[in-house]
């Protein structure tokens, strides 16, 4: 993600007087966490919900005049589980992909009303 931001969000391309190449484009954030959902709550270890960690990305999208469609997050998909819980990770990955597609289709449907 960092590389993409560095390469794409440049003055004169994505923002600034002549930077309008991303204006009106839609962005949907898709992410996974190694920790469970309870970790990302006001009372959890992180003391913040996952959406709060995306505020900087929302600011970047606003700078480029993009439309933020929100995010899809799947919790509890740790790289350390790759050998012991491979089936669970695969199931969560498949569910995550379906939710991403559903979010995009839902947005498209609301735009075609």
PDB file of N, CA and C in Angstrom:
ATOM      1  N   UNK A   1       0.817  -1.184   0.000  1.00  0.00           N
ATOM      2  CA  UNK A   1       0.000   0.000   0.000  1.00  0.00           C
ATOM      3  C   UNK A   1       0.871   1.262   0.000  1.00  0.00           C
ATOM      4  N   UNK A   2       1.911   1.255   0.799  1.00  0.00           N
ATOM      5  CA  UNK A   2       2.795   2.419   0.884  1.00  0.00           C
ATOM      6  C   UNK A   2       3.384   2.765  -0.483  1.00  0.00           C
ATOM      7  N   UNK A   3       3.867   1.769  -1.201  1.00  0.00           N
ATOM      8  CA  UNK A   3       4.459   1.991  -2.520  1.00  0.00           C
ATOM      9  C   UNK A   3       3.435   2.583  -3.478  1.00  0.00           C
ATOM     10  N   UNK A   4       2.218   2.041  -3.434  1.00  0.00           N
ATOM     11  CA  UNK A   4       1.156   2.536  -4.308  1.00  0.00           C
ATOM     12  C   UNK A   4       0.889   4.015  -4.014  1.00  0.00           C
ATOM     13  N   UNK A   5       0.791   4.357  -2.739  1.00  0.00           N
ATOM     14  CA  UNK A   5       0.553   5.759  -2.368  1.00  0.00           C
ATOM     15  C   UNK A   5       1.700   6.631  -2.864  1.00  0.00           C
ATOM     16  N   UNK A   6       2.923   6.183  -2.673  1.00  0.00           N
ATOM     17  CA  UNK A   6       4.084   6.964  -3.110  1.00  0.00           C
ATOM     18  C   UNK A   6       4.112   7.146  -4.631  1.00  0.00           C
ATOM     19  N   UNK A   7       3.739   6.124  -5.368  1.00  0.00           N
ATOM     20  CA  UNK A   7       3.786   6.183  -6.835  1.00  0.00           C
ATOM     21  C   UNK A   7       2.606   6.936  -7.444  1.00  0.00           C
ATOM     22  N   UNK A   8       1.451   6.828  -6.833  1.00  0.00           N
ATOM     23  CA  UNK A   8       0.227   7.367  -7.438  1.00  0.00           C
ATOM     24  C   UNK A   8      -0.142   8.746  -6.905  1.00  0.00           C
ATOM     25  N   UNK A   9       0.010   8.956  -5.623  1.00  0.00           N
ATOM     26  CA  UNK A   9      -0.416  10.218  -5.040  1.00  0.00           C
ATOM     27  C   UNK A   9       0.700  11.245  -5.122  1.00  0.00           C
ATOM     28  N   UNK A  10       0.869  11.776  -6.319  1.00  0.00           N
ATOM     29  CA  UNK A  10       1.892  12.778  -6.569  1.00  0.00           C
ATOM     30  C   UNK A  10       1.230  14.070  -7.040  1.00  0.00           C
ATOM     31  N   UNK A  11       1.815  15.168  -6.611  1.00  0.00           N
ATOM     32  CA  UNK A  11       1.307  16.481  -7.002  1.00  0.00           C
ATOM     33  C   UNK A  11       1.337  16.602  -8.523  1.00  0.00           C
ATOM     34  N   UNK A  12       0.248  17.068  -9.068  1.00  0.00           N
ATOM     35  CA  UNK A  12       0.152  17.203 -10.520  1.00  0.00           C
ATOM     36  C   UNK A  12      -0.481  15.989 -11.181  1.00  0.00           C
ATOM     37  N   UNK A  13      -0.547  14.876 -10.478  1.00  0.00           N
ATOM     38  CA  UNK A  13      -1.231  13.693 -11.012  1.00  0.00           C
ATOM     39  C   UNK A  13      -2.537  13.461 -10.256  1.00  0.00           C
ATOM     40  N   UNK A  14      -2.433  13.244  -8.939  1.00  0.00           N
ATOM     41  CA  UNK A  14      -3.629  12.950  -8.152  1.00  0.00           C
ATOM     42  C   UNK A  14      -4.205  14.178  -7.448  1.00  0.00           C
ATOM     43  N   UNK A  15      -3.424  15.200  -7.299  1.00  0.00           N
ATOM     44  CA  UNK A  15      -3.894  16.400  -6.601  1.00  0.00           C
ATOM     45  C   UNK A  15      -3.045  17.599  -7.038  1.00  0.00           C
ATOM     46  N   UNK A  16      -3.477  18.772  -6.600  1.00  0.00           N
ATOM     47  CA  UNK A  16      -2.809  20.002  -7.007  1.00  0.00           C
ATOM     48  C   UNK A  16      -3.600  20.677  -8.109  1.00  0.00           C
ATOM     49  N   UNK A  17      -3.060  21.755  -8.651  1.00  0.00           N
ATOM     50  CA  UNK A  17      -3.771  22.533  -9.677  1.00  0.00           C
ATOM     51  C   UNK A  17      -4.153  21.708 -10.899  1.00  0.00           C
ATOM     52  N   UNK A  18      -3.286  20.821 -11.325  1.00  0.00           N
ATOM     53  CA  UNK A  18      -3.565  20.014 -12.521  1.00  0.00           C
ATOM     54  C   UNK A  18      -3.777  18.543 -12.193  1.00  0.00           C
ATOM     55  N   UNK A  19      -3.736  18.186 -10.929  1.00  0.00           N
ATOM     56  CA  UNK A  19      -3.838  16.783 -10.532  1.00  0.00           C
ATOM     57  C   UNK A  19      -5.263  16.336 -10.314  1.00  0.00           C
ATOM     58  N   UNK A  20      -5.847  15.793 -11.358  1.00  0.00           N
ATOM     59  CA  UNK A  20      -7.233  15.348 -11.261  1.00  0.00           C
ATOM     60  C   UNK A  20      -7.447  13.945 -11.836  1.00  0.00           C
ATOM     61  N   UNK A  21      -6.390  13.196 -11.984  1.00  0.00           N
ATOM     62  CA  UNK A  21      -6.494  11.882 -12.643  1.00  0.00           C
ATOM     63  C   UNK A  21      -7.316  10.879 -11.845  1.00  0.00           C
ATOM     64  N   UNK A  22      -7.450  11.086 -10.544  1.00  0.00           N
ATOM     65  CA  UNK A  22      -8.227  10.164  -9.714  1.00  0.00           C
ATOM     66  C   UNK A  22      -9.577  10.746  -9.300  1.00  0.00           C
ATOM     67  N   UNK A  23      -9.839  11.967  -9.705  1.00  0.00           N
ATOM     68  CA  UNK A  23     -11.079  12.644  -9.331  1.00  0.00           C
ATOM     69  C   UNK A  23     -12.281  11.809  -9.759  1.00  0.00           C
ATOM     70  N   UNK A  24     -13.151  11.562  -8.790  1.00  0.00           N
ATOM     71  CA  UNK A  24     -14.372  10.810  -9.064  1.00  0.00           C
ATOM     72  C   UNK A  24     -14.211   9.299  -9.058  1.00  0.00           C
ATOM     73  N   UNK A  25     -12.987   8.805  -8.985  1.00  0.00           N
ATOM     74  CA  UNK A  25     -12.761   7.354  -8.937  1.00  0.00           C
ATOM     75  C   UNK A  25     -13.223   6.830  -7.577  1.00  0.00           C
ATOM     76  N   UNK A  26     -13.630   5.594  -7.571  1.00  0.00           N
ATOM     77  CA  UNK A  26     -14.075   4.963  -6.338  1.00  0.00           C
ATOM     78  C   UNK A  26     -12.947   4.139  -5.739  1.00  0.00           C
ATOM     79  N   UNK A  27     -12.915   4.097  -4.393  1.00  0.00           N
ATOM     80  CA  UNK A  27     -11.923   3.285  -3.715  1.00  0.00           C
ATOM     81  C   UNK A  27     -12.611   2.519  -2.594  1.00  0.00           C
ATOM     82  N   UNK A  28     -12.321   1.240  -2.521  1.00  0.00           N
ATOM     83  CA  UNK A  28     -12.821   0.365  -1.461  1.00  0.00           C
ATOM     84  C   UNK A  28     -11.602  -0.279  -0.816  1.00  0.00           C
ATOM     85  N   UNK A  29     -11.471  -0.128   0.482  1.00  0.00           N
ATOM     86  CA  UNK A  29     -10.328  -0.697   1.182  1.00  0.00           C
ATOM     87  C   UNK A  29     -10.654  -2.120   1.609  1.00  0.00           C
ATOM     88  N   UNK A  30      -9.770  -3.034   1.268  1.00  0.00           N
ATOM     89  CA  UNK A  30      -9.916  -4.445   1.603  1.00  0.00           C
ATOM     90  C   UNK A  30      -8.726  -4.837   2.465  1.00  0.00           C
ATOM     91  N   UNK A  31      -8.996  -5.307   3.684  1.00  0.00           N
ATOM     92  CA  UNK A  31      -7.893  -5.623   4.572  1.00  0.00           C
ATOM     93  C   UNK A  31      -8.201  -6.818   5.464  1.00  0.00           C
ATOM     94  N   UNK A  32      -7.132  -7.424   5.958  1.00  0.00           N
ATOM     95  CA  UNK A  32      -7.239  -8.501   6.925  1.00  0.00           C
ATOM     96  C   UNK A  32      -6.345  -8.167   8.107  1.00  0.00           C
ATOM     97  N   UNK A  33      -6.657  -8.758   9.241  1.00  0.00           N
ATOM     98  CA  UNK A  33      -5.827  -8.593  10.423  1.00  0.00           C
ATOM     99  C   UNK A  33      -5.460  -9.967  10.970  1.00  0.00           C
ATOM    100  N   UNK A  34      -4.346 -10.030  11.631  1.00  0.00           N
ATOM    101  CA  UNK A  34      -3.967 -11.271  12.285  1.00  0.00           C
ATOM    102  C   UNK A  34      -4.749 -11.466  13.573  1.00  0.00           C
ATOM    103  N   UNK A  35      -5.047 -10.375  14.246  1.00  0.00           N
ATOM    104  CA  UNK A  35      -5.769 -10.429  15.515  1.00  0.00           C
ATOM    105  C   UNK A  35      -7.275 -10.506  15.276  1.00  0.00           C
ATOM    106  N   UNK A  36      -7.976 -10.947  16.290  1.00  0.00           N
ATOM    107  CA  UNK A  36      -9.429 -11.040  16.212  1.00  0.00           C
ATOM    108  C   UNK A  36     -10.106  -9.687  16.296  1.00  0.00           C
ATOM    109  N   UNK A  37     -11.374  -9.664  15.962  1.00  0.00           N
ATOM    110  CA  UNK A  37     -12.142  -8.412  15.935  1.00  0.00           C
ATOM    111  C   UNK A  37     -12.158  -7.729  17.302  1.00  0.00           C
ATOM    112  N   UNK A  38     -12.206  -8.505  18.372  1.00  0.00           N
ATOM    113  CA  UNK A  38     -12.255  -7.926  19.715  1.00  0.00           C
ATOM    114  C   UNK A  38     -11.024  -7.064  20.018  1.00  0.00           C
ATOM    115  N   UNK A  39      -9.911  -7.349  19.360  1.00  0.00           N
ATOM    116  CA  UNK A  39      -8.699  -6.551  19.545  1.00  0.00           C
ATOM    117  C   UNK A  39      -8.905  -5.126  19.058  1.00  0.00           C
ATOM    118  N   UNK A  40      -9.727  -4.977  18.022  1.00  0.00           N
ATOM    119  CA  UNK A  40      -9.983  -3.669  17.408  1.00  0.00           C
ATOM    120  C   UNK A  40     -11.329  -3.125  17.877  1.00  0.00           C
ATOM    121  N   UNK A  41     -11.411  -2.856  19.143  1.00  0.00           N
ATOM    122  CA  UNK A  41     -12.608  -2.268  19.728  1.00  0.00           C
ATOM    123  C   UNK A  41     -12.175  -1.251  20.783  1.00  0.00           C
ATOM    124  N   UNK A  42     -13.096  -0.432  21.217  1.00  0.00           N
ATOM    125  CA  UNK A  42     -12.774   0.596  22.221  1.00  0.00           C
ATOM    126  C   UNK A  42     -12.230  -0.038  23.500  1.00  0.00           C
ATOM    127  N   UNK A  43     -12.699  -1.235  23.818  1.00  0.00           N
ATOM    128  CA  UNK A  43     -12.251  -1.917  25.037  1.00  0.00           C
ATOM    129  C   UNK A  43     -11.176  -2.959  24.777  1.00  0.00           C
ATOM    130  N   UNK A  44     -10.799  -3.126  23.514  1.00  0.00           N
ATOM    131  CA  UNK A  44      -9.803  -4.126  23.161  1.00  0.00           C
ATOM    132  C   UNK A  44      -8.386  -3.596  23.289  1.00  0.00           C
ATOM    133  N   UNK A  45      -7.455  -4.438  22.937  1.00  0.00           N
ATOM    134  CA  UNK A  45      -6.035  -4.106  23.072  1.00  0.00           C
ATOM    135  C   UNK A  45      -5.656  -2.840  22.310  1.00  0.00           C
ATOM    136  N   UNK A  46      -6.197  -2.647  21.116  1.00  0.00           N
ATOM    137  CA  UNK A  46      -5.832  -1.492  20.291  1.00  0.00           C
ATOM    138  C   UNK A  46      -6.564  -0.210  20.694  1.00  0.00           C
ATOM    139  N   UNK A  47      -7.659  -0.338  21.445  1.00  0.00           N
ATOM    140  CA  UNK A  47      -8.447   0.808  21.941  1.00  0.00           C
ATOM    141  C   UNK A  47      -9.120   1.621  20.835  1.00  0.00           C
ATOM    142  N   UNK A  48      -9.138   1.086  19.631  1.00  0.00           N
ATOM    143  CA  UNK A  48      -9.774   1.750  18.493  1.00  0.00           C
ATOM    144  C   UNK A  48     -10.394   0.691  17.591  1.00  0.00           C
ATOM    145  N   UNK A  49     -11.453   1.066  16.915  1.00  0.00           N
ATOM    146  CA  UNK A  49     -12.048   0.183  15.917  1.00  0.00           C
ATOM    147  C   UNK A  49     -11.227   0.267  14.639  1.00  0.00           C
ATOM    148  N   UNK A  50     -11.296  -0.768  13.821  1.00  0.00           N
ATOM    149  CA  UNK A  50     -10.439  -0.864  12.631  1.00  0.00           C
ATOM    150  C   UNK A  50     -10.630   0.332  11.690  1.00  0.00           C
ATOM    151  N   UNK A  51     -11.842   0.822  11.571  1.00  0.00           N
ATOM    152  CA  UNK A  51     -12.099   1.954  10.684  1.00  0.00           C
ATOM    153  C   UNK A  51     -11.321   3.202  11.064  1.00  0.00           C
ATOM    154  N   UNK A  52     -11.019   3.347  12.335  1.00  0.00           N
ATOM    155  CA  UNK A  52     -10.260   4.508  12.784  1.00  0.00           C
ATOM    156  C   UNK A  52      -8.828   4.490  12.254  1.00  0.00           C
ATOM    157  N   UNK A  53      -8.302   3.313  12.009  1.00  0.00           N
ATOM    158  CA  UNK A  53      -6.948   3.210  11.468  1.00  0.00           C
ATOM    159  C   UNK A  53      -6.905   3.588   9.988  1.00  0.00           C
ATOM    160  N   UNK A  54      -8.071   3.702   9.374  1.00  0.00           N
ATOM    161  CA  UNK A  54      -8.137   4.053   7.951  1.00  0.00           C
ATOM    162  C   UNK A  54      -8.338   5.546   7.712  1.00  0.00           C
ATOM    163  N   UNK A  55      -8.423   6.344   8.764  1.00  0.00           N
ATOM    164  CA  UNK A  55      -8.596   7.790   8.592  1.00  0.00           C
ATOM    165  C   UNK A  55      -7.537   8.405   7.677  1.00  0.00           C
ATOM    166  N   UNK A  56      -6.264   8.049   7.813  1.00  0.00           N
ATOM    167  CA  UNK A  56      -5.275   8.633   6.900  1.00  0.00           C
ATOM    168  C   UNK A  56      -5.548   8.281   5.432  1.00  0.00           C
ATOM    169  N   UNK A  57      -6.015   7.078   5.175  1.00  0.00           N
ATOM    170  CA  UNK A  57      -6.311   6.686   3.792  1.00  0.00           C
ATOM    171  C   UNK A  57      -7.535   7.437   3.276  1.00  0.00           C
ATOM    172  N   UNK A  58      -8.494   7.688   4.153  1.00  0.00           N
ATOM    173  CA  UNK A  58      -9.653   8.482   3.778  1.00  0.00           C
ATOM    174  C   UNK A  58      -9.220   9.906   3.434  1.00  0.00           C
ATOM    175  N   UNK A  59      -8.280  10.446   4.192  1.00  0.00           N
ATOM    176  CA  UNK A  59      -7.764  11.792   3.920  1.00  0.00           C
ATOM    177  C   UNK A  59      -7.067  11.841   2.564  1.00  0.00           C
ATOM    178  N   UNK A  60      -6.300  10.811   2.244  1.00  0.00           N
ATOM    179  CA  UNK A  60      -5.615  10.743   0.946  1.00  0.00           C
ATOM    180  C   UNK A  60      -6.651  10.662  -0.176  1.00  0.00           C
ATOM    181  N   UNK A  61      -7.682   9.848   0.018  1.00  0.00           N
ATOM    182  CA  UNK A  61      -8.745   9.737  -0.988  1.00  0.00           C
ATOM    183  C   UNK A  61      -9.446  11.083  -1.177  1.00  0.00           C
ATOM    184  N   UNK A  62      -9.692  11.786  -0.084  1.00  0.00           N
ATOM    185  CA  UNK A  62     -10.319  13.106  -0.179  1.00  0.00           C
ATOM    186  C   UNK A  62      -9.417  14.091  -0.914  1.00  0.00           C
ATOM    187  N   UNK A  63      -8.131  14.042  -0.643  1.00  0.00           N
ATOM    188  CA  UNK A  63      -7.177  14.918  -1.314  1.00  0.00           C
ATOM    189  C   UNK A  63      -7.259  14.738  -2.832  1.00  0.00           C
ATOM    190  N   UNK A  64      -7.413  13.501  -3.256  1.00  0.00           N
ATOM    191  CA  UNK A  64      -7.476  13.199  -4.694  1.00  0.00           C
ATOM    192  C   UNK A  64      -8.905  13.265  -5.236  1.00  0.00           C
ATOM    193  N   UNK A  65      -9.846  13.723  -4.408  1.00  0.00           N
ATOM    194  CA  UNK A  65     -11.253  13.859  -4.798  1.00  0.00           C
ATOM    195  C   UNK A  65     -11.859  12.527  -5.229  1.00  0.00           C
ATOM    196  N   UNK A  66     -11.455  11.465  -4.525  1.00  0.00           N
ATOM    197  CA  UNK A  66     -11.990  10.138  -4.786  1.00  0.00           C
ATOM    198  C   UNK A  66     -13.215   9.901  -3.903  1.00  0.00           C
ATOM    199  N   UNK A  67     -14.004   8.919  -4.273  1.00  0.00           N
ATOM    200  CA  UNK A  67     -15.170   8.548  -3.486  1.00  0.00           C
ATOM    201  C   UNK A  67     -14.831   7.294  -2.679  1.00  0.00           C
ATOM    202  N   UNK A  68     -14.781   7.437  -1.371  1.00  0.00           N
ATOM    203  CA  UNK A  68     -14.446   6.326  -0.485  1.00  0.00           C
ATOM    204  C   UNK A  68     -15.699   5.483  -0.261  1.00  0.00           C
ATOM    205  N   UNK A  69     -15.643   4.220  -0.673  1.00  0.00           N
ATOM    206  CA  UNK A  69     -16.764   3.304  -0.511  1.00  0.00           C
ATOM    207  C   UNK A  69     -16.726   2.557   0.816  1.00  0.00           C
ATOM    208  N   UNK A  70     -15.727   2.851   1.635  1.00  0.00           N
ATOM    209  CA  UNK A  70     -15.628   2.183   2.926  1.00  0.00           C
ATOM    210  C   UNK A  70     -14.591   1.072   2.905  1.00  0.00           C
ATOM    211  N   UNK A  71     -14.841   0.055   3.706  1.00  0.00           N
ATOM    212  CA  UNK A  71     -13.865  -1.026   3.794  1.00  0.00           C
ATOM    213  C   UNK A  71     -14.543  -2.356   4.064  1.00  0.00           C
ATOM    214  N   UNK A  72     -13.824  -3.397   3.731  1.00  0.00           N
ATOM    215  CA  UNK A  72     -14.199  -4.763   4.072  1.00  0.00           C
ATOM    216  C   UNK A  72     -13.021  -5.326   4.850  1.00  0.00           C
ATOM    217  N   UNK A  73     -13.292  -5.828   6.033  1.00  0.00           N
ATOM    218  CA  UNK A  73     -12.216  -6.350   6.884  1.00  0.00           C
ATOM    219  C   UNK A  73     -12.547  -7.767   7.339  1.00  0.00           C
ATOM    220  N   UNK A  74     -11.542  -8.613   7.317  1.00  0.00           N
ATOM    221  CA  UNK A  74     -11.645  -9.955   7.874  1.00  0.00           C
ATOM    222  C   UNK A  74     -10.609 -10.057   8.981  1.00  0.00           C
ATOM    223  N   UNK A  75     -11.066 -10.439  10.146  1.00  0.00           N
ATOM    224  CA  UNK A  75     -10.213 -10.514  11.327  1.00  0.00           C
ATOM    225  C   UNK A  75      -9.718 -11.943  11.547  1.00  0.00           C
ATOM    226  N   UNK A  76      -8.626 -12.065  12.265  1.00  0.00           N
ATOM    227  CA  UNK A  76      -8.135 -13.369  12.682  1.00  0.00           C
ATOM    228  C   UNK A  76      -7.554 -14.219  11.575  1.00  0.00           C
ATOM    229  N   UNK A  77      -6.845 -13.576  10.647  1.00  0.00           N
ATOM    230  CA  UNK A  77      -6.184 -14.308   9.565  1.00  0.00           C
ATOM    231  C   UNK A  77      -4.684 -14.046   9.697  1.00  0.00           C
ATOM    232  N   UNK A  78      -4.066 -14.790  10.560  1.00  0.00           N
ATOM    233  CA  UNK A  78      -2.657 -14.581  10.851  1.00  0.00           C
ATOM    234  C   UNK A  78      -1.769 -15.458   9.982  1.00  0.00           C
ATOM    235  N   UNK A  79      -0.674 -14.890   9.543  1.00  0.00           N
ATOM    236  CA  UNK A  79       0.303 -15.643   8.750  1.00  0.00           C
ATOM    237  C   UNK A  79       0.802 -16.849   9.534  1.00  0.00           C
ATOM    238  N   UNK A  80       0.846 -16.731  10.844  1.00  0.00           N
ATOM    239  CA  UNK A  80       1.329 -17.833  11.677  1.00  0.00           C
ATOM    240  C   UNK A  80       0.379 -19.030  11.657  1.00  0.00           C
ATOM    241  N   UNK A  81      -0.852 -18.832  11.177  1.00  0.00           N
ATOM    242  CA  UNK A  81      -1.833 -19.916  11.101  1.00  0.00           C
ATOM    243  C   UNK A  81      -1.705 -20.731   9.817  1.00  0.00           C
ATOM    244  N   UNK A  82      -0.803 -20.349   8.932  1.00  0.00           N
ATOM    245  CA  UNK A  82      -0.757 -20.921   7.588  1.00  0.00           C
ATOM    246  C   UNK A  82      -0.606 -22.436   7.549  1.00  0.00           C
ATOM    247  N   UNK A  83       0.035 -23.013   8.540  1.00  0.00           N
ATOM    248  CA  UNK A  83       0.192 -24.467   8.501  1.00  0.00           C
ATOM    249  C   UNK A  83      -0.824 -25.174   9.391  1.00  0.00           C
ATOM    250  N   UNK A  84      -1.157 -24.593  10.529  1.00  0.00           N
ATOM    251  CA  UNK A  84      -2.056 -25.273  11.465  1.00  0.00           C
ATOM    252  C   UNK A  84      -3.532 -25.086  11.141  1.00  0.00           C
ATOM    253  N   UNK A  85      -3.894 -23.998  10.499  1.00  0.00           N
ATOM    254  CA  UNK A  85      -5.303 -23.699  10.231  1.00  0.00           C
ATOM    255  C   UNK A  85      -5.511 -23.286   8.780  1.00  0.00           C
ATOM    256  N   UNK A  86      -4.874 -23.999   7.888  1.00  0.00           N
ATOM    257  CA  UNK A  86      -4.922 -23.665   6.466  1.00  0.00           C
ATOM    258  C   UNK A  86      -6.357 -23.633   5.936  1.00  0.00           C
ATOM    259  N   UNK A  87      -7.175 -24.598   6.312  1.00  0.00           N
ATOM    260  CA  UNK A  87      -8.560 -24.651   5.834  1.00  0.00           C
ATOM    261  C   UNK A  87      -9.369 -23.455   6.320  1.00  0.00           C
ATOM    262  N   UNK A  88      -9.135 -23.063   7.582  1.00  0.00           N
ATOM    263  CA  UNK A  88      -9.847 -21.907   8.131  1.00  0.00           C
ATOM    264  C   UNK A  88      -9.447 -20.627   7.399  1.00  0.00           C
ATOM    265  N   UNK A  89      -8.172 -20.479   7.134  1.00  0.00           N
ATOM    266  CA  UNK A  89      -7.695 -19.304   6.400  1.00  0.00           C
ATOM    267  C   UNK A  89      -8.302 -19.274   5.002  1.00  0.00           C
ATOM    268  N   UNK A  90      -8.343 -20.412   4.337  1.00  0.00           N
ATOM    269  CA  UNK A  90      -8.921 -20.482   2.993  1.00  0.00           C
ATOM    270  C   UNK A  90     -10.400 -20.107   3.022  1.00  0.00           C
ATOM    271  N   UNK A  91     -11.119 -20.618   4.022  1.00  0.00           N
ATOM    272  CA  UNK A  91     -12.542 -20.296   4.152  1.00  0.00           C
ATOM    273  C   UNK A  91     -12.732 -18.797   4.374  1.00  0.00           C
ATOM    274  N   UNK A  92     -11.926 -18.219   5.268  1.00  0.00           N
ATOM    275  CA  UNK A  92     -12.032 -16.782   5.537  1.00  0.00           C
ATOM    276  C   UNK A  92     -11.662 -15.959   4.309  1.00  0.00           C
ATOM    277  N   UNK A  93     -10.667 -16.400   3.564  1.00  0.00           N
ATOM    278  CA  UNK A  93     -10.266 -15.689   2.346  1.00  0.00           C
ATOM    279  C   UNK A  93     -11.393 -15.717   1.317  1.00  0.00           C
ATOM    280  N   UNK A  94     -12.035 -16.857   1.155  1.00  0.00           N
ATOM    281  CA  UNK A  94     -13.156 -16.964   0.216  1.00  0.00           C
ATOM    282  C   UNK A  94     -14.324 -16.077   0.639  1.00  0.00           C
ATOM    283  N   UNK A  95     -14.637 -16.088   1.936  1.00  0.00           N
ATOM    284  CA  UNK A  95     -15.712 -15.233   2.449  1.00  0.00           C
ATOM    285  C   UNK A  95     -15.369 -13.760   2.258  1.00  0.00           C
ATOM    286  N   UNK A  96     -14.114 -13.423   2.492  1.00  0.00           N
ATOM    287  CA  UNK A  96     -13.678 -12.033   2.329  1.00  0.00           C
ATOM    288  C   UNK A  96     -13.870 -11.585   0.874  1.00  0.00           C
ATOM    289  N   UNK A  97     -13.440 -12.412  -0.054  1.00  0.00           N
ATOM    290  CA  UNK A  97     -13.586 -12.081  -1.480  1.00  0.00           C
ATOM    291  C   UNK A  97     -15.053 -11.888  -1.836  1.00  0.00           C
ATOM    292  N   UNK A  98     -15.925 -12.730  -1.319  1.00  0.00           N
ATOM    293  CA  UNK A  98     -17.363 -12.588  -1.586  1.00  0.00           C
ATOM    294  C   UNK A  98     -17.896 -11.273  -1.028  1.00  0.00           C
ATOM    295  N   UNK A  99     -17.420 -10.889   0.152  1.00  0.00           N
ATOM    296  CA  UNK A  99     -17.870  -9.633   0.751  1.00  0.00           C
ATOM    297  C   UNK A  99     -17.381  -8.422  -0.041  1.00  0.00           C
ATOM    298  N   UNK A 100     -16.175  -8.501  -0.583  1.00  0.00           N
ATOM    299  CA  UNK A 100     -15.661  -7.416  -1.415  1.00  0.00           C
ATOM    300  C   UNK A 100     -16.534  -7.278  -2.666  1.00  0.00           C
ATOM    301  N   UNK A 101     -16.798  -8.380  -3.324  1.00  0.00           N
ATOM    302  CA  UNK A 101     -17.640  -8.361  -4.531  1.00  0.00           C
ATOM    303  C   UNK A 101     -19.033  -7.846  -4.190  1.00  0.00           C
ATOM    304  N   UNK A 102     -19.585  -8.300  -3.068  1.00  0.00           N
ATOM    305  CA  UNK A 102     -20.908  -7.852  -2.634  1.00  0.00           C
ATOM    306  C   UNK A 102     -20.931  -6.341  -2.387  1.00  0.00           C
ATOM    307  N   UNK A 103     -19.895  -5.819  -1.759  1.00  0.00           N
ATOM    308  CA  UNK A 103     -19.816  -4.377  -1.495  1.00  0.00           C
ATOM    309  C   UNK A 103     -19.767  -3.591  -2.794  1.00  0.00           C
ATOM    310  N   UNK A 104     -18.991  -4.069  -3.750  1.00  0.00           N
ATOM    311  CA  UNK A 104     -18.895  -3.389  -5.046  1.00  0.00           C
ATOM    312  C   UNK A 104     -20.211  -3.462  -5.806  1.00  0.00           C
ATOM    313  N   UNK A 105     -20.841  -4.619  -5.797  1.00  0.00           N
ATOM    314  CA  UNK A 105     -22.136  -4.767  -6.484  1.00  0.00           C
ATOM    315  C   UNK A 105     -23.198  -3.910  -5.822  1.00  0.00           C
ATOM    316  N   UNK A 106     -23.182  -3.856  -4.510  1.00  0.00           N
ATOM    317  CA  UNK A 106     -24.147  -3.041  -3.773  1.00  0.00           C
ATOM    318  C   UNK A 106     -24.002  -1.579  -4.167  1.00  0.00           C
ATOM    319  N   UNK A 107     -22.780  -1.119  -4.270  1.00  0.00           N
ATOM    320  CA  UNK A 107     -22.546   0.273  -4.680  1.00  0.00           C
ATOM    321  C   UNK A 107     -23.062   0.491  -6.088  1.00  0.00           C
ATOM    322  N   UNK A 108     -22.760  -0.425  -7.004  1.00  0.00           N
ATOM    323  CA  UNK A 108     -23.215  -0.301  -8.383  1.00  0.00           C
ATOM    324  C   UNK A 108     -24.739  -0.244  -8.455  1.00  0.00           C
ATOM    325  N   UNK A 109     -25.418  -1.069  -7.658  1.00  0.00           N
ATOM    326  CA  UNK A 109     -26.867  -1.087  -7.673  1.00  0.00           C
ATOM    327  C   UNK A 109     -27.443   0.247  -7.213  1.00  0.00           C
ATOM    328  N   UNK A 110     -26.841   0.857  -6.188  1.00  0.00           N
ATOM    329  CA  UNK A 110     -27.357   2.122  -5.694  1.00  0.00           C
ATOM    330  C   UNK A 110     -27.113   3.249  -6.704  1.00  0.00           C
ATOM    331  N   UNK A 111     -26.113   3.109  -7.547  1.00  0.00           N
ATOM    332  CA  UNK A 111     -25.820   4.118  -8.549  1.00  0.00           C
ATOM    333  C   UNK A 111     -26.715   4.023  -9.774  1.00  0.00           C
ATOM    334  N   UNK A 112     -27.294   2.847  -9.974  1.00  0.00           N
ATOM    335  CA  UNK A 112     -28.133   2.628 -11.152  1.00  0.00           C
ATOM    336  C   UNK A 112     -29.615   2.811 -10.863  1.00  0.00           C
ATOM    337  N   UNK A 113     -29.947   3.355  -9.699  1.00  0.00           N
ATOM    338  CA  UNK A 113     -31.364   3.548  -9.332  1.00  0.00           C
ATOM    339  C   UNK A 113     -31.896   4.782  -9.976  1.00  0.00           C
TER     340      UNK A 113
END
